[in-house]
Protein backbone atom coordinates (compact mmCIF):
# COMPACT_ATOMS: atom_id res chain seq x y z
CA UNK A 1 0.00 0.00 0.00
CA UNK A 2 1.43 3.35 -1.07
CA UNK A 3 0.57 6.31 1.12
CA UNK A 4 0.18 9.51 -0.90
CA UNK A 5 -0.41 13.08 0.27
CA UNK A 6 -2.05 15.51 -2.15
CA UNK A 7 -1.84 19.22 -1.32
CA UNK A 8 -4.17 21.83 -2.80
CA UNK A 9 -7.11 19.45 -2.40
CA UNK A 10 -9.76 21.96 -3.46
CA UNK A 11 -8.17 22.64 -6.86
CA UNK A 12 -9.22 21.10 -10.16
CA UNK A 13 -6.14 18.87 -10.58
CA UNK A 14 -6.39 17.47 -7.06
CA UNK A 15 -10.08 16.79 -7.64
CA UNK A 16 -9.23 14.92 -10.85
CA UNK A 17 -6.57 12.96 -8.94
CA UNK A 18 -9.23 12.01 -6.40
CA UNK A 19 -11.40 10.65 -9.22
CA UNK A 20 -8.53 8.78 -10.89
CA UNK A 21 -7.45 7.20 -7.59
CA UNK A 22 -10.37 4.79 -7.79
CA UNK A 23 -8.40 2.89 -10.45
CA UNK A 24 -5.49 2.36 -8.03
CA UNK A 25 -6.70 0.27 -5.06
CA UNK A 26 -3.13 -0.06 -3.79
CA UNK A 27 -2.99 3.66 -3.05
CA UNK A 28 -4.03 5.23 0.25
CA UNK A 29 -4.70 8.86 -0.60
CA UNK A 30 -4.79 11.77 1.85
CA UNK A 31 -6.04 15.12 0.52
CA UNK A 32 -5.34 18.39 2.30
CA UNK A 33 -6.39 21.90 1.35
CA UNK A 34 -5.01 25.11 2.85
CA UNK A 35 -7.21 24.87 5.94
CA UNK A 36 -5.61 21.52 6.81
CA UNK A 37 -2.08 22.19 5.57
CA UNK A 38 -0.81 25.65 4.67
CA UNK A 39 2.32 25.00 2.62
CA UNK A 40 3.51 28.59 3.08
CA UNK A 41 4.20 27.85 6.78
CA UNK A 42 7.22 25.59 7.14
CA UNK A 43 6.63 24.76 10.81
CA UNK A 44 3.12 23.55 9.95
CA UNK A 45 4.38 21.48 7.00
CA UNK A 46 7.19 19.91 9.03
CA UNK A 47 4.86 19.08 11.93
CA UNK A 48 2.38 17.46 9.56
CA UNK A 49 5.02 15.29 7.88
CA UNK A 50 6.49 14.36 11.26
CA UNK A 51 3.17 12.96 12.46
CA UNK A 52 2.23 11.16 9.22
CA UNK A 53 3.92 8.49 7.17
CA UNK A 54 3.88 9.10 3.40
CA UNK A 55 5.68 7.56 0.45
CA UNK A 56 4.75 10.31 -2.03
CA UNK A 57 3.54 13.89 -1.94
CA UNK A 58 1.81 15.39 -4.97
CA UNK A 59 2.04 19.16 -4.61
CA UNK A 60 -0.83 20.67 -6.59
CA UNK A 61 -1.18 23.69 -4.28
CA UNK A 62 -0.53 26.82 -6.31
CA UNK A 63 -1.46 30.43 -6.93
CA UNK A 64 -2.63 30.24 -10.56
CA UNK A 65 -4.33 33.57 -11.29
CA UNK A 66 -1.94 34.94 -13.91
CA UNK A 67 -3.46 38.42 -13.97
CA UNK A 68 -3.69 38.89 -10.20
CA UNK A 69 -0.15 37.55 -9.71
CA UNK A 70 1.14 40.76 -11.33
CA UNK A 71 -0.59 42.76 -8.59
CA UNK A 72 0.06 40.31 -5.75
CA UNK A 73 3.56 39.07 -6.48
CA UNK A 74 4.30 38.48 -2.80
CA UNK A 75 1.38 36.06 -2.54
CA UNK A 76 2.31 34.28 -5.77
CA UNK A 77 5.92 33.77 -4.65
CA UNK A 78 4.82 32.78 -1.14
CA UNK A 79 2.73 29.88 -2.48
CA UNK A 80 4.48 28.91 -5.72
CA UNK A 81 8.10 29.35 -4.61
CA UNK A 82 8.36 29.37 -0.81
CA UNK A 83 5.55 26.84 -0.44
CA UNK A 84 7.21 24.48 -2.91
CA UNK A 85 10.48 24.78 -0.97
CA UNK A 86 8.73 24.00 2.32
CA UNK A 87 7.17 20.86 0.91
CA UNK A 88 10.44 19.82 -0.75
CA UNK A 89 12.39 20.29 2.49
CA UNK A 90 9.87 18.19 4.41
CA UNK A 91 9.82 15.49 1.73
CA UNK A 92 13.60 15.26 1.79
CA UNK A 93 13.71 15.18 5.59
CA UNK A 94 11.15 12.37 5.81
CA UNK A 95 12.20 10.31 2.77
CA UNK A 96 9.11 11.14 0.71
CA UNK A 97 9.17 11.32 -3.10
CA UNK A 98 7.83 14.67 -4.26
CA UNK A 99 5.76 15.24 -7.39
CA UNK A 100 5.49 18.93 -8.19
CA UNK A 101 3.32 20.61 -10.82
CA UNK A 102 4.74 23.44 -12.91
CA UNK A 103 3.82 25.30 -16.08
CA UNK A 104 4.62 26.14 -19.70
CA UNK A 105 4.82 29.77 -18.54
CA UNK A 106 8.41 29.23 -17.37
CA UNK A 107 9.29 29.86 -21.06
CA UNK A 108 9.24 33.19 -22.92
CA UNK A 109 7.47 31.83 -26.02
CA UNK A 110 10.10 33.00 -28.51
CA UNK A 111 11.36 29.57 -29.62
CA UNK A 112 8.63 28.88 -32.17
CA UNK A 113 8.78 25.09 -31.84
CA UNK A 114 7.77 22.75 -29.00
CA UNK A 115 9.80 23.29 -25.84
CA UNK A 116 11.94 20.47 -24.47
CA UNK A 117 12.79 20.06 -20.81
CA UNK A 118 16.38 21.10 -21.54
CA UNK A 119 15.44 24.43 -23.18
CA UNK A 120 16.38 27.64 -21.39
CA UNK A 121 13.68 29.10 -19.16
CA UNK A 122 12.86 32.82 -19.24
CA UNK A 123 9.44 33.65 -17.74
CA UNK A 124 7.85 36.92 -18.82
CA UNK A 125 5.27 37.26 -16.04
CA UNK A 126 5.15 36.95 -12.26
CA UNK A 127 3.23 33.69 -12.32
CA UNK A 128 5.85 32.03 -14.51
CA UNK A 129 8.71 33.48 -12.46
CA UNK A 130 7.20 32.24 -9.20
CA UNK A 131 6.65 28.75 -10.63
CA UNK A 132 10.20 28.62 -11.98
CA UNK A 133 11.59 29.56 -8.58
CA UNK A 134 9.46 26.78 -7.10
CA UNK A 135 11.02 24.29 -9.54
CA UNK A 136 14.49 25.44 -8.55
CA UNK A 137 13.73 24.98 -4.86
CA UNK A 138 12.41 21.46 -5.46
CA UNK A 139 15.53 20.44 -7.39
CA UNK A 140 17.82 21.90 -4.74
CA UNK A 141 16.00 20.50 -1.71
CA UNK A 142 14.61 17.10 -2.71
CA UNK A 143 16.63 14.81 -5.03
CA UNK A 144 13.74 12.28 -5.16
CA UNK A 145 11.39 14.40 -7.22
CA UNK A 146 9.35 14.58 -10.40
CA UNK A 147 8.44 17.97 -11.84
CA UNK A 148 5.57 17.90 -14.34
CA UNK A 149 5.26 21.01 -16.49
CA UNK A 150 1.84 21.23 -18.10
CA UNK A 151 -0.23 23.72 -20.09
CA UNK A 152 -3.71 25.22 -20.39
CA UNK A 153 -5.35 22.90 -17.87
CA UNK A 154 -9.12 22.46 -17.90
CA UNK A 155 -11.61 19.89 -16.65
CA UNK A 156 -15.18 19.50 -15.48
CA UNK A 157 -14.10 21.09 -12.17
CA UNK A 158 -13.18 24.56 -11.00
CA UNK A 159 -12.77 27.73 -13.02
CA UNK A 160 -11.19 27.27 -16.45
CA UNK A 161 -11.47 28.31 -20.09
CA UNK A 162 -13.77 25.43 -21.09
CA UNK A 163 -16.33 26.17 -18.40
CA UNK A 164 -16.17 29.91 -19.13
CA UNK A 165 -16.92 29.25 -22.81
CA UNK A 166 -19.83 26.97 -21.98
CA UNK A 167 -21.28 29.59 -19.63
CA UNK A 168 -20.90 32.42 -22.13
CA UNK A 169 -22.21 30.22 -24.94
CA UNK A 170 -25.34 29.48 -22.91
CA UNK A 171 -25.81 33.24 -22.55
CA UNK A 172 -25.49 33.53 -26.35
CA UNK A 173 -22.98 36.34 -26.04
CA UNK A 174 -20.77 37.54 -28.85
CA UNK A 175 -17.25 36.26 -28.15
CA UNK A 176 -13.91 37.62 -29.33
CA UNK A 177 -11.09 35.14 -28.70
CA UNK A 178 -7.39 35.69 -29.23
CA UNK A 179 -5.24 33.95 -31.85
CA UNK A 180 -2.16 35.62 -30.38
CA UNK A 181 -1.08 32.66 -28.21
CA UNK A 182 -0.44 29.08 -29.25
CA UNK A 183 -0.23 26.23 -26.76
CA UNK A 184 -1.98 22.95 -26.03
CA UNK A 185 -5.20 22.56 -24.02
CA UNK A 186 -4.70 19.76 -21.50
CA UNK A 187 -7.39 17.68 -19.84
CA UNK A 188 -6.54 17.68 -16.12
CA UNK A 189 -8.02 14.17 -15.83
CA UNK A 190 -5.34 12.90 -18.23
CA UNK A 191 -2.58 14.59 -16.24
CA UNK A 192 -3.99 13.16 -13.00
CA UNK A 193 -3.86 9.63 -14.39
CA UNK A 194 -0.34 10.14 -15.75
CA UNK A 195 0.84 11.20 -12.28
CA UNK A 196 -0.70 8.15 -10.62
CA UNK A 197 0.67 5.83 -13.31
CA UNK A 198 4.12 7.25 -12.62
CA UNK A 199 3.76 6.39 -8.93
CA UNK A 200 2.37 2.95 -9.73
CA UNK A 201 5.27 2.13 -12.06
CA UNK A 202 7.88 2.27 -9.26
CA UNK A 203 10.15 3.92 -11.81
CA UNK A 204 12.74 6.14 -10.17
CA UNK A 205 13.43 8.22 -13.26
CA UNK A 206 13.41 11.41 -11.25
CA UNK A 207 13.62 14.76 -13.00
CA UNK A 208 11.62 17.28 -15.02
CA UNK A 209 9.00 16.18 -17.56
CA UNK A 210 6.60 17.89 -19.92
CA UNK A 211 3.02 16.66 -20.04
CA UNK A 212 0.21 18.02 -22.16
CA UNK A 213 -2.27 16.57 -24.60
CA UNK A 214 -1.01 16.20 -28.18
CA UNK A 215 -1.17 18.90 -30.83
CA UNK A 216 -1.37 22.66 -30.64
CA UNK A 217 -4.04 25.34 -30.78
CA UNK A 218 -4.73 29.01 -30.23
CA UNK A 219 -7.34 30.03 -27.68
CA UNK A 220 -9.64 30.74 -30.64
CA UNK A 221 -9.06 27.19 -31.94
CA UNK A 222 -9.91 25.84 -28.51
CA UNK A 223 -13.13 27.88 -28.28
CA UNK A 224 -14.18 26.91 -31.80
CA UNK A 225 -13.63 23.22 -31.08
CA UNK A 226 -15.69 23.48 -27.88
CA UNK A 227 -18.69 24.90 -29.73
CA UNK A 228 -18.30 22.54 -32.68
CA UNK A 229 -18.32 19.58 -30.30
CA UNK A 230 -21.38 20.84 -28.42
CA UNK A 231 -23.22 21.64 -31.67
CA UNK A 232 -23.47 25.36 -30.80
CA UNK A 233 -21.08 26.71 -33.42
CA UNK A 234 -23.88 28.09 -35.64
CA UNK A 235 -25.54 29.84 -32.69
CA UNK A 236 -22.45 31.61 -31.33
CA UNK A 237 -21.03 34.85 -32.71
CA UNK A 238 -17.38 33.81 -32.48
CA UNK A 239 -14.79 36.34 -33.60
CA UNK A 240 -11.02 36.15 -33.63
CA UNK A 241 -8.48 38.83 -32.78
CA UNK A 242 -4.70 38.86 -33.06
CA UNK A 243 -4.45 41.16 -30.06
CA UNK A 244 -6.28 40.83 -26.76
CA UNK A 245 -4.96 43.21 -24.07
CA UNK A 246 -4.07 41.61 -20.74
CA UNK A 247 -2.30 43.00 -17.70
CA UNK A 248 0.18 40.10 -17.61
CA UNK A 249 2.35 39.21 -20.59
CA UNK A 250 1.93 35.68 -21.89
CA UNK A 251 4.23 33.57 -24.06
CA UNK A 252 3.19 33.71 -27.72
CA UNK A 253 4.16 30.06 -28.25
CA UNK A 254 4.34 27.60 -25.37
CA UNK A 255 3.69 24.15 -26.85
CA UNK A 256 5.51 21.45 -24.87
CA UNK A 257 7.50 18.60 -26.40
CA UNK A 258 6.41 15.49 -24.47
CA UNK A 259 8.71 12.86 -26.00
CA UNK A 260 10.73 12.45 -22.81
CA UNK A 261 7.80 11.39 -20.62
CA UNK A 262 6.56 9.00 -23.30
CA UNK A 263 9.95 7.32 -23.65
CA UNK A 264 11.17 7.39 -20.06
CA UNK A 265 7.94 6.71 -18.16
CA UNK A 266 5.87 4.99 -20.90
CA UNK A 267 3.10 7.57 -20.57
CA UNK A 268 0.75 7.66 -23.56
CA UNK A 269 -0.51 10.98 -24.89
CA UNK A 270 -4.03 11.83 -26.09
CA UNK A 271 -4.88 14.30 -28.88
CA UNK A 272 -6.29 17.48 -27.37
CA UNK A 273 -9.51 17.34 -29.40
CA UNK A 274 -10.19 13.77 -28.26
CA UNK A 275 -9.44 14.77 -24.67
CA UNK A 276 -11.89 17.68 -24.98
CA UNK A 277 -14.66 15.35 -26.15
CA UNK A 278 -14.10 13.18 -23.08
CA UNK A 279 -14.65 16.07 -20.69
CA UNK A 280 -17.66 17.38 -22.60
CA UNK A 281 -19.28 13.94 -22.37
CA UNK A 282 -18.87 14.10 -18.60
CA UNK A 283 -20.36 17.60 -18.45
C-alpha cells in the first residue's frame, strides 16, 4: 500500500486525482487543502510530515491567477516558490518522493517550436517566475522528485477556459477570442492519471518532464472546437483577434514537447480534441 499526500485538495487537478485514484486500489490517498495544511508555513508542514507516514507527496497547491499575480507578487511567490520549498524540504527530511506541478509559462514563447525540458527558461510574467523559482527549490531540496510542467489545464471542475466558454455560450454572447497565443489545451483528468501511473510504475526516473495533450491550438481554436463539439457553433457569434490586451504578458508560443515522458515513463498521450470530447461527455 502506497501512502500519498495531495496538497491543494480543493483545486481542479487534485479533484481529478481524487477521481482517478479509484483505479489504483493499492494507493491510500490523503487530501489536504489550505485549511488543513498551509504550505507557506514551514513549521506547519514539518509538523504534519512528522506525524504522518507518506511515500509520495503530490504538490498541486498553487497560486494560478496569472493576472492577479502581477498585482500580488508576494502572494504568488509565497505559495508557488516558498511553499514548494517548504514541501520539498519536508519530503527530503522524511524520505518522501515529491511530485510537483509546474507550467509552460516558465518559457518566454520565442522559440517557435515545442519546448523540451532542456530548453532555457525565461518567464515573462510573475506567475511564470514564481513557478520557476518553485522548480528550482524542489531540485535543490529534494533529489527524489518529479516535476511535471503542463499547459492550459481544464476539466469539469473549478474555473477554467472550457467552463467559461460553456457559460458564455449558454448566454449567447458575442465572443472575441485571441489567436495571439499558441499552446496545447490539457485535460486535467489525463494529467492526473499520468501522475498516478508514474507512482504505480515504481520507476525512479526522477527529473523534469513535460506533459500536455497532443497537438497545438490558439485560444480561438480551442473555443471553436468546444462549440463545434457541443453543436453550438452556428448559434455563437465567435470572432477572432490577433491582439487581446491583458495585464500580464503571456508567451506567444508555449507548446511542450512530451517525448521524454513517453519514452522514459511509458506515458501515452491523447490528442487534445479527443481529450476535450471526453470532458464534454462528462459535463
